[in-house]
Every structure is written in structure tokens, then in C-alpha cells.
Protein backbone atom coordinates (compact mmCIF):
# COMPACT_ATOMS: atom_id res chain seq x y z
CA MET A 1 85.10 -61.81 -0.55
CA ASN A 2 86.73 -65.24 -0.41
CA GLY A 3 88.88 -65.20 -3.53
CA ALA A 4 86.78 -67.01 -6.13
CA VAL A 5 83.42 -66.55 -4.37
CA ILE A 6 81.32 -64.05 -2.46
CA ARG A 7 79.60 -64.92 0.81
CA ILE A 8 76.68 -62.55 1.45
CA HIS A 9 75.42 -63.64 4.88
CA PRO A 10 76.81 -65.94 7.60
CA ALA A 11 73.62 -68.06 7.53
CA ASP A 12 73.77 -68.73 3.78
CA ASN A 13 74.35 -72.25 2.49
CA VAL A 14 75.33 -70.94 -0.95
CA VAL A 15 78.02 -68.53 -2.13
CA ILE A 16 78.29 -66.65 -5.43
CA ALA A 17 80.94 -67.24 -8.08
CA ARG A 18 82.95 -64.09 -8.80
CA ARG A 19 84.05 -65.53 -12.15
CA GLN A 20 83.53 -68.70 -14.14
CA LEU A 21 84.81 -71.57 -11.98
CA LEU A 22 86.06 -74.90 -13.27
CA GLY A 23 85.59 -78.22 -11.57
CA GLY A 24 88.27 -78.90 -9.00
CA THR A 25 88.77 -75.24 -8.07
CA ALA A 26 89.48 -75.17 -4.33
CA VAL A 27 87.53 -72.64 -2.26
CA GLU A 28 89.57 -72.99 0.90
CA ALA A 29 87.81 -70.34 2.97
CA GLU A 30 84.53 -72.27 2.53
CA GLY A 31 86.08 -75.73 2.77
CA PHE A 32 84.97 -77.23 -0.56
CA ALA A 33 86.11 -77.82 -4.12
CA VAL A 34 83.93 -76.85 -7.07
CA GLN A 35 82.19 -79.76 -8.79
CA GLY A 36 81.63 -79.08 -12.48
CA LEU A 37 81.47 -75.76 -14.34
CA VAL A 38 79.85 -72.81 -12.54
CA PRO A 39 79.12 -69.61 -14.53
CA PRO A 40 79.90 -66.19 -13.05
CA GLY A 41 77.21 -64.83 -10.74
CA HIS A 42 75.76 -68.29 -10.06
CA LYS A 43 75.33 -70.09 -6.75
CA ILE A 44 77.45 -72.87 -5.29
CA ALA A 45 76.46 -75.01 -2.32
CA THR A 46 78.80 -74.64 0.64
CA ARG A 47 77.63 -77.90 2.24
CA ALA A 48 75.40 -80.85 1.48
CA ILE A 49 71.74 -79.84 1.05
CA GLN A 50 69.05 -82.51 1.25
CA PRO A 51 65.96 -82.75 -1.00
CA GLY A 52 63.24 -80.45 0.40
CA GLU A 53 65.75 -78.47 2.47
CA ALA A 54 65.73 -74.68 2.28
CA VAL A 55 68.37 -72.92 0.22
CA VAL A 56 69.42 -69.70 1.92
CA ARG A 57 70.88 -66.52 0.36
CA TYR A 58 70.93 -63.03 1.96
CA GLY A 59 70.08 -64.88 5.18
CA GLN A 60 66.64 -65.59 3.67
CA VAL A 61 65.05 -68.66 2.09
CA ILE A 62 65.07 -68.45 -1.72
CA GLY A 63 63.53 -71.90 -2.38
CA THR A 64 63.96 -75.58 -1.64
CA ALA A 65 66.25 -78.20 -3.10
CA THR A 66 64.52 -80.57 -5.53
CA GLN A 67 67.29 -83.17 -5.23
CA ALA A 68 70.36 -83.85 -3.13
CA ILE A 69 73.04 -81.18 -3.63
CA ALA A 70 76.65 -81.83 -2.62
CA ALA A 71 79.07 -79.22 -1.34
CA GLY A 72 80.68 -77.46 -4.30
CA GLN A 73 77.85 -78.17 -6.74
CA HIS A 74 76.15 -75.58 -8.92
CA VAL A 75 72.75 -74.56 -7.48
CA HIS A 76 70.24 -73.40 -10.08
CA THR A 77 67.03 -74.32 -11.90
CA HIS A 78 68.00 -77.99 -12.21
CA ASN A 79 68.04 -78.54 -8.44
CA LEU A 80 66.30 -75.53 -6.83
CA ALA A 81 62.63 -74.55 -7.02
CA PHE A 82 60.35 -71.84 -5.68
CA SER A 83 58.58 -72.62 -2.42
CA ASP A 84 56.01 -70.44 -0.70
CA VAL A 85 57.77 -69.85 2.59
CA ALA A 86 56.45 -68.09 5.68
CA ARG A 87 57.64 -64.50 6.07
CA PHE A 88 58.14 -63.06 9.53
CA GLY A 89 58.66 -59.58 10.90
CA GLU A 90 56.64 -57.14 12.96
CA PRO A 91 55.50 -54.18 10.82
CA GLY A 92 57.44 -51.08 11.76
CA SER A 93 59.97 -52.93 13.91
CA GLY A 94 62.83 -51.91 11.63
CA ALA A 95 61.79 -48.36 10.79
CA LEU A 96 64.74 -46.07 11.42
CA PRO A 97 64.30 -42.32 11.94
CA THR A 98 65.85 -40.19 9.23
CA GLU A 99 68.77 -38.04 10.34
CA HIS A 100 68.72 -35.13 7.92
CA VAL A 101 72.00 -33.44 7.06
CA ALA A 102 72.61 -29.94 8.38
CA GLU A 103 73.45 -28.50 4.95
CA PRO A 104 71.51 -30.30 2.21
CA ALA A 105 73.09 -30.76 -1.19
CA THR A 106 71.80 -28.77 -4.15
CA PHE A 107 71.43 -29.26 -7.88
CA ASP A 108 70.89 -26.76 -10.67
CA GLY A 109 67.20 -27.06 -11.37
CA ILE A 110 64.64 -25.16 -13.43
CA VAL A 111 62.13 -23.28 -11.28
CA ARG A 112 58.71 -23.05 -12.93
CA ALA A 113 56.45 -20.04 -12.40
CA ASP A 114 54.30 -21.99 -9.93
CA GLY A 115 57.33 -23.11 -7.90
CA ARG A 116 57.66 -26.64 -9.28
CA ILE A 117 61.22 -27.79 -9.96
CA ALA A 118 62.27 -29.39 -13.23
CA THR A 119 65.38 -31.33 -14.20
CA ARG A 120 64.66 -31.06 -17.94
CA ASN A 121 62.80 -28.65 -20.25
CA TYR A 122 60.68 -30.37 -22.89
CA ILE A 123 57.50 -29.65 -24.80
CA GLY A 124 55.32 -32.76 -24.69
CA ILE A 125 52.67 -34.13 -27.01
CA LEU A 126 50.30 -36.61 -25.37
CA THR A 127 47.55 -38.63 -27.05
CA SER A 128 44.19 -39.58 -25.66
CA VAL A 129 43.99 -42.66 -27.88
CA ASN A 130 46.12 -44.77 -30.22
CA CYS A 131 44.28 -43.27 -33.21
CA SER A 132 46.06 -39.93 -32.77
CA ALA A 133 49.54 -41.42 -32.33
CA THR A 134 50.66 -40.93 -35.93
CA VAL A 135 49.67 -37.26 -35.88
CA ALA A 136 51.49 -36.68 -32.57
CA ARG A 137 54.67 -38.29 -33.88
CA ALA A 138 54.54 -36.28 -37.10
CA ILE A 139 54.39 -33.05 -35.09
CA ALA A 140 57.29 -34.09 -32.86
CA ASP A 141 59.35 -35.26 -35.86
CA HIS A 142 59.13 -31.77 -37.33
CA PHE A 143 61.22 -30.57 -34.35
CA ARG A 144 63.72 -33.45 -34.17
CA ARG A 145 67.26 -32.12 -34.03
CA ASP A 146 68.61 -35.07 -36.00
CA ILE A 147 66.14 -34.47 -38.86
CA HIS A 148 65.41 -30.73 -38.77
CA PRO A 149 68.19 -29.12 -36.67
CA GLU A 150 67.13 -25.65 -37.75
CA ALA A 151 63.78 -26.01 -35.96
CA LEU A 152 65.27 -25.94 -32.46
CA ASP A 153 68.62 -24.26 -33.04
CA PRO A 154 67.22 -20.87 -31.91
CA PHE A 155 66.02 -22.49 -28.66
CA PRO A 156 69.07 -24.04 -26.95
CA ASN A 157 67.36 -24.20 -23.55
CA VAL A 158 64.63 -26.53 -24.86
CA ASP A 159 65.64 -30.19 -24.52
CA GLY A 160 63.28 -31.30 -27.26
CA VAL A 161 59.72 -31.90 -28.42
CA VAL A 162 58.58 -35.45 -27.62
CA ALA A 163 55.46 -37.40 -28.55
CA LEU A 164 54.41 -39.94 -25.91
CA THR A 165 51.91 -42.24 -27.58
CA HIS A 166 50.22 -45.45 -26.49
CA GLY A 167 47.90 -48.21 -27.70
CA MET A 168 44.96 -47.53 -25.41
CA GLY A 169 42.09 -45.07 -25.00
CA CYS A 170 39.20 -46.96 -26.57
CA ALA A 171 37.48 -50.38 -26.49
CA THR A 172 37.38 -50.22 -22.70
CA ASP A 173 34.84 -49.64 -19.94
CA SER A 174 34.03 -45.92 -19.87
CA GLU A 175 33.55 -46.11 -16.10
CA GLY A 176 36.21 -48.71 -15.38
CA GLU A 177 39.51 -48.86 -13.54
CA GLU A 178 41.62 -49.09 -16.70
CA LEU A 179 40.37 -45.75 -18.02
CA ARG A 180 40.82 -44.09 -14.62
CA VAL A 181 44.41 -45.34 -14.42
CA LEU A 182 45.16 -44.24 -17.98
CA ARG A 183 43.81 -40.77 -17.24
CA ARG A 184 45.77 -40.62 -13.99
CA THR A 185 48.91 -41.50 -15.96
CA LEU A 186 48.27 -38.91 -18.66
CA GLY A 187 47.38 -36.33 -16.02
CA GLY A 188 50.65 -36.96 -14.21
CA TYR A 189 52.60 -36.38 -17.40
CA ALA A 190 50.58 -33.29 -18.27
CA ARG A 191 51.49 -31.81 -14.87
CA HIS A 192 55.11 -32.98 -14.90
CA PRO A 193 57.47 -30.06 -14.23
CA ASN A 194 59.87 -31.31 -16.92
CA PHE A 195 57.32 -30.20 -19.51
CA ALA A 196 57.29 -26.47 -20.19
CA ALA A 197 54.04 -27.02 -22.10
CA VAL A 198 51.91 -29.94 -23.29
CA LEU A 199 49.62 -30.65 -26.23
CA VAL A 200 46.95 -33.34 -25.85
CA ILE A 201 45.67 -34.63 -29.18
CA GLY A 202 42.73 -36.98 -29.69
CA LEU A 203 40.73 -38.45 -32.55
CA GLY A 204 37.38 -37.14 -31.34
CA CYS A 205 35.13 -40.17 -30.90
CA GLU A 206 37.26 -42.25 -28.50
CA THR A 207 36.18 -43.54 -25.09
CA ASN A 208 38.92 -41.50 -23.45
CA GLN A 209 37.42 -38.12 -24.22
CA ILE A 210 39.88 -35.30 -23.59
CA GLN A 211 37.36 -33.35 -21.53
CA GLY A 212 36.88 -36.42 -19.34
CA LEU A 213 40.65 -36.52 -18.79
CA ILE A 214 40.69 -32.83 -17.91
CA ALA A 215 37.80 -33.24 -15.49
CA GLN A 216 39.20 -36.30 -13.69
CA GLU A 217 42.68 -34.83 -13.35
CA ALA A 218 41.57 -31.24 -12.61
CA LEU A 219 43.68 -29.91 -15.47
CA THR A 220 43.29 -26.38 -16.82
CA GLU A 221 43.45 -25.54 -20.50
CA GLY A 222 45.61 -22.54 -21.36
CA ALA A 223 48.90 -21.50 -22.86
CA ARG A 224 50.70 -24.47 -21.28
CA LEU A 225 48.01 -27.09 -21.93
CA VAL A 226 46.54 -27.05 -25.45
CA VAL A 227 44.02 -29.69 -26.54
CA PHE A 228 42.37 -30.51 -29.87
CA ASP A 229 41.32 -33.53 -31.95
CA ILE A 230 41.65 -34.72 -35.53
CA GLN A 231 37.96 -34.84 -36.34
CA SER A 232 37.26 -31.29 -35.16
CA THR A 233 40.38 -29.92 -36.82
CA GLY A 234 39.51 -31.44 -40.18
CA GLY A 235 41.82 -34.39 -40.72
CA THR A 236 45.39 -35.58 -40.45
CA ALA A 237 47.27 -32.93 -42.45
CA LYS A 238 45.38 -30.03 -40.88
CA THR A 239 45.96 -31.43 -37.39
CA VAL A 240 49.69 -31.89 -37.98
CA ALA A 241 49.93 -28.34 -39.32
CA ARG A 242 48.03 -26.99 -36.33
CA GLY A 243 50.25 -28.90 -33.92
CA ILE A 244 53.42 -27.58 -35.57
CA GLU A 245 52.04 -24.07 -35.38
CA VAL A 246 51.11 -24.41 -31.69
CA VAL A 247 54.51 -25.86 -30.74
CA GLY A 248 56.26 -23.15 -32.73
CA GLY A 249 54.42 -20.55 -30.72
CA LEU A 250 55.42 -22.18 -27.41
CA LEU A 251 59.15 -22.49 -28.03
CA ALA A 252 60.21 -18.91 -27.32
CA ASP A 253 58.58 -18.91 -23.90
CA ALA A 254 59.88 -22.41 -23.11
CA ASN A 255 63.40 -21.23 -23.96
CA ARG A 256 63.27 -18.48 -21.30
CA VAL A 257 64.57 -20.66 -18.49
CA GLN A 258 67.73 -20.55 -16.44
CA ARG A 259 69.02 -23.16 -14.07
CA GLN A 260 69.63 -22.16 -10.47
CA PRO A 261 70.70 -24.01 -7.31
CA VAL A 262 67.79 -25.71 -5.54
CA PRO A 263 67.79 -28.08 -2.52
CA ALA A 264 68.01 -31.82 -3.15
CA ARG A 265 64.58 -32.25 -1.55
CA HIS A 266 63.15 -31.40 -4.98
CA LEU A 267 64.66 -34.58 -6.44
CA THR A 268 62.33 -37.58 -6.81
CA VAL A 269 64.13 -40.67 -8.10
CA GLY A 270 62.40 -43.72 -9.55
CA LEU A 271 64.27 -46.97 -8.81
CA GLN A 272 64.37 -49.64 -11.52
CA CYS A 273 66.25 -52.86 -12.19
CA GLY A 274 66.09 -54.74 -15.48
CA GLY A 275 68.10 -57.56 -16.97
CA SER A 276 69.12 -58.48 -13.42
CA ASP A 277 71.78 -61.09 -12.70
CA GLY A 278 73.36 -62.87 -9.77
CA TYR A 279 75.43 -59.79 -8.94
CA SER A 280 72.50 -57.33 -8.84
CA GLY A 281 71.78 -57.87 -5.16
CA ILE A 282 75.51 -57.67 -4.32
CA SER A 283 76.73 -54.61 -6.21
CA ALA A 284 74.52 -52.15 -8.12
CA ASN A 285 71.31 -52.61 -6.12
CA PRO A 286 72.81 -52.12 -2.63
CA ALA A 287 74.99 -49.29 -4.03
CA LEU A 288 71.84 -47.59 -5.34
CA GLY A 289 70.32 -48.22 -1.91
CA ALA A 290 73.25 -46.40 -0.32
CA ALA A 291 72.59 -43.47 -2.68
CA VAL A 292 68.90 -43.54 -1.72
CA ASP A 293 69.82 -43.31 1.96
CA ARG A 294 71.87 -40.22 1.15
CA LEU A 295 69.07 -38.70 -0.94
CA VAL A 296 66.56 -39.16 1.87
CA ARG A 297 68.94 -37.64 4.42
CA HIS A 298 69.20 -34.64 2.09
CA GLY A 299 65.40 -34.32 2.01
CA GLY A 300 64.64 -36.01 -1.32
CA ALA A 301 62.36 -38.89 -2.27
CA ALA A 302 62.85 -42.27 -3.93
CA ILE A 303 60.18 -44.56 -5.40
CA LEU A 304 60.63 -48.33 -5.23
CA SER A 305 58.20 -50.21 -7.50
CA GLU A 306 57.64 -53.49 -9.37
CA THR A 307 55.35 -55.26 -6.90
CA PRO A 308 55.83 -58.74 -8.44
CA GLU A 309 59.57 -58.26 -7.90
CA VAL A 310 59.38 -57.62 -4.19
CA TYR A 311 57.15 -60.66 -3.75
CA GLY A 312 58.56 -62.96 -1.07
CA GLY A 313 60.61 -60.15 0.41
CA GLU A 314 57.78 -57.78 1.28
CA HIS A 315 58.29 -58.48 4.99
CA LEU A 316 61.62 -56.64 4.76
CA LEU A 317 59.72 -53.55 3.61
CA THR A 318 56.80 -53.79 6.03
CA GLN A 319 59.29 -54.00 8.90
CA ARG A 320 60.55 -50.58 7.77
CA ALA A 321 57.06 -49.05 7.43
CA VAL A 322 56.46 -45.95 9.52
CA SER A 323 53.04 -47.28 10.57
CA ARG A 324 50.82 -50.35 10.50
CA LEU A 325 48.63 -48.52 7.95
CA VAL A 326 51.54 -48.19 5.51
CA ALA A 327 52.51 -51.85 6.01
CA ASP A 328 48.92 -52.98 5.42
CA LYS A 329 48.73 -50.95 2.21
CA LEU A 330 51.70 -52.86 0.82
CA LEU A 331 50.33 -56.24 1.93
CA ALA A 332 47.00 -55.37 0.28
CA ARG A 333 48.78 -54.79 -3.03
CA ILE A 334 50.60 -58.13 -2.71
CA ALA A 335 47.23 -59.84 -2.15
CA TRP A 336 45.79 -58.03 -5.18
CA TRP A 337 48.64 -59.33 -7.34
CA GLU A 338 48.16 -62.90 -6.13
CA ALA A 339 44.50 -62.71 -7.14
CA TYR A 340 45.30 -60.89 -10.41
CA THR A 341 47.84 -63.45 -11.59
CA ALA A 342 45.58 -66.36 -10.56
CA ARG A 343 42.71 -64.82 -12.55
CA HIS A 344 44.91 -64.87 -15.66
CA GLY A 345 46.21 -68.41 -15.12
CA MET A 346 49.64 -67.27 -13.93
CA LYS A 347 51.66 -67.50 -10.74
CA MET A 348 53.84 -65.00 -8.95
CA ASP A 349 56.80 -67.35 -9.40
CA ASN A 350 56.54 -67.18 -13.24
CA ASN A 351 59.35 -64.63 -12.77
CA PRO A 352 62.47 -64.55 -13.23
CA SER A 353 62.94 -64.13 -16.97
CA ALA A 354 65.19 -66.23 -19.19
CA GLY A 355 67.89 -63.55 -19.06
CA ASN A 356 67.68 -63.37 -15.27
CA LYS A 357 68.17 -67.13 -15.05
CA ALA A 358 71.13 -67.04 -17.43
CA GLY A 359 72.66 -64.45 -15.13
CA GLY A 360 72.28 -66.67 -12.05
CA LEU A 361 68.85 -65.89 -10.57
CA THR A 362 66.68 -68.96 -9.99
CA THR A 363 63.47 -68.03 -8.12
CA ILE A 364 61.34 -64.94 -7.63
CA LEU A 365 62.30 -65.02 -3.94
CA GLU A 366 65.96 -64.64 -4.84
CA LYS A 367 65.23 -61.93 -7.40
CA SER A 368 63.01 -59.97 -5.00
CA LEU A 369 65.51 -60.00 -2.15
CA GLY A 370 68.15 -58.52 -4.44
CA ALA A 371 65.72 -55.99 -5.93
CA ILE A 372 64.68 -54.65 -2.52
CA ALA A 373 68.31 -53.71 -1.87
CA LYS A 374 67.74 -50.70 -4.17
CA SER A 375 65.65 -49.12 -1.40
CA GLY A 376 68.51 -48.82 1.07
CA THR A 377 67.75 -48.86 4.80
CA THR A 378 65.52 -45.83 5.27
CA ALA A 379 61.94 -46.01 6.57
CA LEU A 380 59.05 -46.68 4.18
CA VAL A 381 56.81 -43.62 4.48
CA ASP A 382 53.93 -44.44 2.09
CA VAL A 383 52.54 -46.87 -0.50
CA LEU A 384 51.10 -45.37 -3.70
CA GLN A 385 48.80 -46.62 -6.43
CA PHE A 386 50.11 -46.66 -9.99
CA ALA A 387 50.82 -43.09 -11.21
CA GLU A 388 49.62 -41.57 -7.92
CA PRO A 389 51.46 -38.31 -7.06
CA ALA A 390 54.64 -38.93 -5.07
CA THR A 391 54.21 -35.99 -2.73
CA PRO A 392 55.80 -37.21 0.55
CA ARG A 393 59.57 -37.07 0.96
CA GLY A 394 61.48 -40.20 1.88
CA LEU A 395 61.19 -43.78 0.60
CA LEU A 396 57.91 -44.52 -1.18
CA PHE A 397 56.57 -47.68 -2.76
CA MET A 398 54.45 -47.48 -5.91
CA ASP A 399 52.38 -50.47 -7.04
CA THR A 400 53.43 -51.30 -10.61
CA PRO A 401 54.07 -54.37 -12.76
CA GLY A 402 57.61 -55.66 -12.96
CA TYR A 403 57.83 -54.80 -16.66
CA ASP A 404 60.26 -51.88 -16.65
CA PRO A 405 58.66 -49.54 -19.24
CA VAL A 406 55.27 -49.77 -17.51
CA SER A 407 56.79 -49.42 -14.06
CA ALA A 408 58.89 -46.38 -14.94
CA THR A 409 55.92 -44.80 -16.74
CA GLY A 410 54.00 -44.96 -13.46
CA GLN A 411 56.91 -43.47 -11.53
CA VAL A 412 57.33 -40.54 -13.93
CA ALA A 413 53.57 -39.95 -13.93
CA GLY A 414 53.85 -39.78 -10.13
CA GLY A 415 56.47 -37.06 -10.40
CA ALA A 416 59.84 -38.82 -10.66
CA ASN A 417 62.22 -36.35 -12.30
CA LEU A 418 65.09 -38.86 -12.53
CA ILE A 419 65.27 -42.64 -12.99
CA CYS A 420 68.10 -44.90 -11.78
CA PHE A 421 68.12 -48.26 -13.54
CA THR A 422 70.44 -51.10 -12.52
CA THR A 423 71.24 -53.92 -14.95
CA GLY A 424 73.44 -56.98 -15.05
CA ARG A 425 72.61 -58.30 -18.51
CA GLY A 426 72.57 -54.94 -20.29
CA SER A 427 69.85 -52.41 -20.92
CA ALA A 428 69.11 -49.74 -23.51
CA TYR A 429 66.40 -47.58 -22.00
CA GLY A 430 65.23 -44.02 -21.45
CA CYS A 431 62.00 -42.39 -20.33
CA ALA A 432 61.42 -38.80 -21.45
CA PRO A 433 60.83 -36.33 -19.94
CA ALA A 434 62.86 -37.72 -16.99
CA PRO A 435 66.54 -38.59 -17.58
CA SER A 436 67.47 -42.21 -16.91
CA LEU A 437 70.80 -43.39 -15.47
CA LYS A 438 71.88 -47.00 -15.99
CA LEU A 439 74.17 -48.71 -13.51
CA SER A 440 75.98 -51.96 -14.34
CA THR A 441 76.32 -54.72 -11.77
CA ASN A 442 79.54 -56.12 -13.24
CA THR A 443 82.54 -54.67 -15.01
CA ALA A 444 82.35 -57.14 -17.92
CA LEU A 445 79.03 -55.58 -18.90
CA TRP A 446 80.46 -52.08 -18.49
CA LEU A 447 83.36 -52.88 -20.81
CA LYS A 448 81.03 -54.42 -23.40
CA GLN A 449 78.21 -51.85 -23.33
CA GLN A 450 79.70 -48.56 -22.15
CA GLU A 451 77.70 -46.65 -24.74
CA ASP A 452 74.54 -47.45 -22.77
CA ILE A 453 75.80 -47.58 -19.16
CA ASP A 454 76.37 -44.44 -17.09
CA LEU A 455 78.21 -45.90 -14.08
CA ASP A 456 79.86 -49.23 -13.26
CA CYS A 457 79.36 -50.88 -9.86
CA GLY A 458 81.43 -53.94 -10.76
CA GLY A 459 84.28 -52.78 -8.55
CA ILE A 460 82.24 -54.04 -5.59
CA VAL A 461 82.32 -57.58 -7.01
CA GLU A 462 86.04 -57.25 -7.70
CA GLY A 463 86.74 -56.05 -4.17
CA LEU A 464 87.99 -52.70 -5.46
CA GLU A 465 85.21 -50.50 -4.06
CA THR A 466 82.82 -50.58 -1.12
CA VAL A 467 79.05 -50.38 -1.48
CA ASP A 468 79.08 -47.09 0.41
CA ALA A 469 81.71 -45.54 -1.88
CA ALA A 470 79.73 -46.58 -4.96
CA GLY A 471 76.60 -45.12 -3.34
CA GLU A 472 78.35 -41.79 -2.96
CA ARG A 473 79.34 -41.82 -6.64
CA ILE A 474 75.76 -42.58 -7.65
CA PHE A 475 74.38 -39.79 -5.46
CA ARG A 476 76.77 -37.28 -7.01
CA LEU A 477 75.82 -38.49 -10.48
CA MET A 478 72.15 -38.03 -9.59
CA LEU A 479 72.80 -34.39 -8.71
CA ALA A 480 74.90 -33.79 -11.83
CA THR A 481 72.26 -35.34 -14.08
CA ALA A 482 69.48 -33.37 -12.43
CA SER A 483 71.60 -30.28 -13.12
CA GLY A 484 71.57 -30.94 -16.86
CA ARG A 485 74.30 -33.50 -17.55
CA ARG A 486 72.95 -35.72 -20.32
CA SER A 487 72.66 -39.43 -19.63
CA LYS A 488 73.71 -42.07 -22.16
CA SER A 489 70.08 -42.80 -23.04
CA GLU A 490 69.46 -39.12 -23.73
CA GLN A 491 72.50 -38.99 -26.01
CA HIS A 492 71.01 -41.87 -28.03
CA GLY A 493 67.53 -40.32 -28.15
CA TYR A 494 65.71 -42.88 -26.02
CA GLY A 495 62.52 -41.92 -24.21
CA GLN A 496 59.52 -41.63 -26.53
CA ASN A 497 58.87 -45.30 -27.33
CA GLU A 498 59.28 -46.28 -23.68
CA PHE A 499 56.08 -44.55 -22.55
CA VAL A 500 53.85 -47.56 -21.73
CA PRO A 501 50.74 -47.00 -19.55
CA TRP A 502 49.50 -50.02 -17.59
CA GLN A 503 46.76 -51.86 -19.50
CA LEU A 504 44.77 -53.45 -16.71
CA GLY A 505 41.44 -54.52 -18.16
CA ALA A 506 39.85 -56.39 -21.01
CA VAL A 507 40.06 -55.02 -24.55
CA MET A 508 36.46 -54.97 -25.78
């Protein structure tokens, strides 16, 4: 901290404005005066930068200057552009062994009959196809506490009945990748420990036949997995009535749960950032990374995702890979994304979004370097496909789009029983059946949107708190939330509309 600005790395030729700075403001520690207005969270050149010269933040290149930049000038989209720079680092050279704590922390979890550990206790309604979405929602609405409180009042240990619907399931290749990924996603939710029981409802004639889903995902029909379709049941009203009857019969058994202390190794946390700003890589993301380091030392797992938003910084992850095989798996996914975006007439540097840029982020390189901070410093133990089970403990990477609802859907399908979501611009998000915690990067956002934010990391920017201290607070909040403390998004009822499987292929 240098008063008005933040220097992140000694090699940087930009610093970050801690607040809005007016022209003429002297930054004595850096030896320049501000030229023109600089918004909070934005970059300021510390010295003259020539056209074509690299701009450096986090000790890494984030792009090249498109024109001459004088010391004290605002550095942003008008004078900085993406450049495809060489990335260096021997895979595995930075992998640190995990030093597990002698007495791991615990949380009050729900132990299922088969030994799986839950952080919540829902009944879920999944759909094989968009055509059965209305029926699924009608069944779930019958049990909504805000509409029909009497339906669940006798079952206080049931967190709710949720319908997770989507717009897919037909008009796709019956042997293709998109259908396999959709079924893997639905299978992950059907198995998720946070569901006491699941209904899967179809139309009957769709490409995504329910029996095909059951076969691919090795699911077993029974008391906790009930399947039927509209056509076989006899229409909409009959199917809704049947669904209400089935759920009604499941509630008493679902209510027979009690929380008990379980080791933190049963916690799998999905890491998300959305509405990022110039402070994300300084405050909330590294603080979440400090919490991840703690979680891993206590035996738990964390899932970093959003492949397009680690692009340009992937070398920092491959250096931490436990093996060349793991590093190569990540590089293969980066190559896939380069080909995928090119095939659709896009580029990897189409990111950041308009909101990201307003918050101070200029290039995908800059955004990625800040996003990777969520992963902490622990070794990368495996790279997963979208919605693949997150079985290993430690830091994992899951290949997902950068679009938060899709990315988090993959993480929860993989077994994440808690989501931590950092934001600098503001976010209103949840992802049933896993609780979602939102962490603000700056205190101004916290003061404006406290009803949606669970924890403020802005004290780091203000110099009032260290990254490590904020990481400890986040870790303790993780444990409390896993023990049943309701997050802000849960209080508002978020979680059903945010289920968004990854639509990979052509719609036919």
C-alpha cells in the first residue's frame, strides 16, 4: 500500500488506484503525479511506456501498449491491448507438498446411509428434456414455503423441493458429445449427497431417453430415484399429481436426518468469480486462495474452473501440477478452447466483459492472472472434464466455460457441496442444492449490496486486514455454512434458475 495506490509486484510498471484519483494527485512513493481522472481499481503507469512495450501486473505481462503512455497516466482499453505472449515455467517445478494439520477441522454434516456427506437436505426434480420443465416446476411449486408453507412445515429438516430444469435434451446427436455431457451432468446431480431423493421426469419421445441416462450413469431406480414421463402417465395434470404424490411420500424419510460432526475432508468447494474488477486479484481472490490452502491442509478439496478465464496464466497452474500428465491435461483443454473459439469465429481475448472493463480489467491476461489467485498455492492434483466426479482431495481443475451458471453447474455435478463466489461489481447468484457464498472485493460494494454478499474482503484494499486473516474468516464461514448456516442467496431463494448445463453442440 502506497497511500493512494497499490503496488502488487516489484516488477510491475503499473499500480492500482485505491480510490478515484484526480489529476495532479501526487503519488510520492512511486515518484509520479496522476495525469487526468483515474477510476478506483484502474491501472496507472509508474513510468513512461513505449508503444509495443509490455505492460506488467502481478509480475506478468498483461498486454502491450498501443501508444505512448506517460508516467501517471491511466492505463486501460484506450492504450493497452491483448498480446499473445510466451508463457514459461517447467511443469511441476512449483508443486508444493501438502502439510496436513494434525487435528483437522470439522463441520456438522448430514451422513447418508451409504456414507456420503451432505451439507444440505433437498428433494430434487430433474428433467430429461425442456418439454417436461413446466411439469417439474409445478410439482416443486406445490412445496414452496413462500406459497404453500403448510406443505413443508411438518418437515423442518428438509431444506426444500427444487426443480432443476434446462433447455436441452432433444434436437441433438443421439450418439454425440453434447448428450453424453448432459447425461453426465444430470447423473452428477442425481447422485449428489445434498439430495435425499430425486425425481427424473421426461416427456417420453425425447432424444435424451431416461433409460439411456440411467444406463450411461449407472444409476439405480428405487425409493430415492423415481423416474416417469408425461406421455406414459397420461398428460400434464396427471403427471403433476403423480409427482406431488411421490414427493409427499418421500418427505417423512428425508426429514429423518440429524447433523453430526464430520471431518473437513468431506468438503468440496467450487471456486467462482463473476463481475470481477480491478481489485479481484488483490483482495477477494487471493483471500479465497488462502482459505483454499487451509481447506486442503485439512483434507478437503477445491475445484478451480472457467478455462477461458485462466487463459494466459495457465503456466502458473502447470508449474504447480503434481505430474507432467496433469499439466498436459490442462494444456490439452487450453488447446481445445483455442480451436473451439476459432471454429465459432471468436477469440480467447473476447473476454473481459463490459462490467469487468468498467471495474478496471483490460485484457483476458489480466483477468486470468487475478482469477487464478482463487486457487491459493497448493499443488494441482488433477484436471477434470466438465461434470466429472471430483473424487481426489486437494486442488482440482475442471474444464468449464467462463459463464458462471454453466461453470458452477459443472462443479456441483462433480460433487461440490459448497460454492464460493467472489465479485467486485455485484452478484446475485445461488446454485441449489449446494449453498453459495459471495465475497466482495471492495467495501463500497459490500455497503451497497449487503443483502447479496456474505463476506467483505475490502479491508485488504483499505489496508485494514491481511489476505491471510481474510482467508481464515472465509474458511470459518465455509465450515459454518456447510454446517447449515444459510447463505444470503439461500435466504432469497436463489438456486433453481441457475442450473445451466453446458450446451456444446449444434441444435438440429
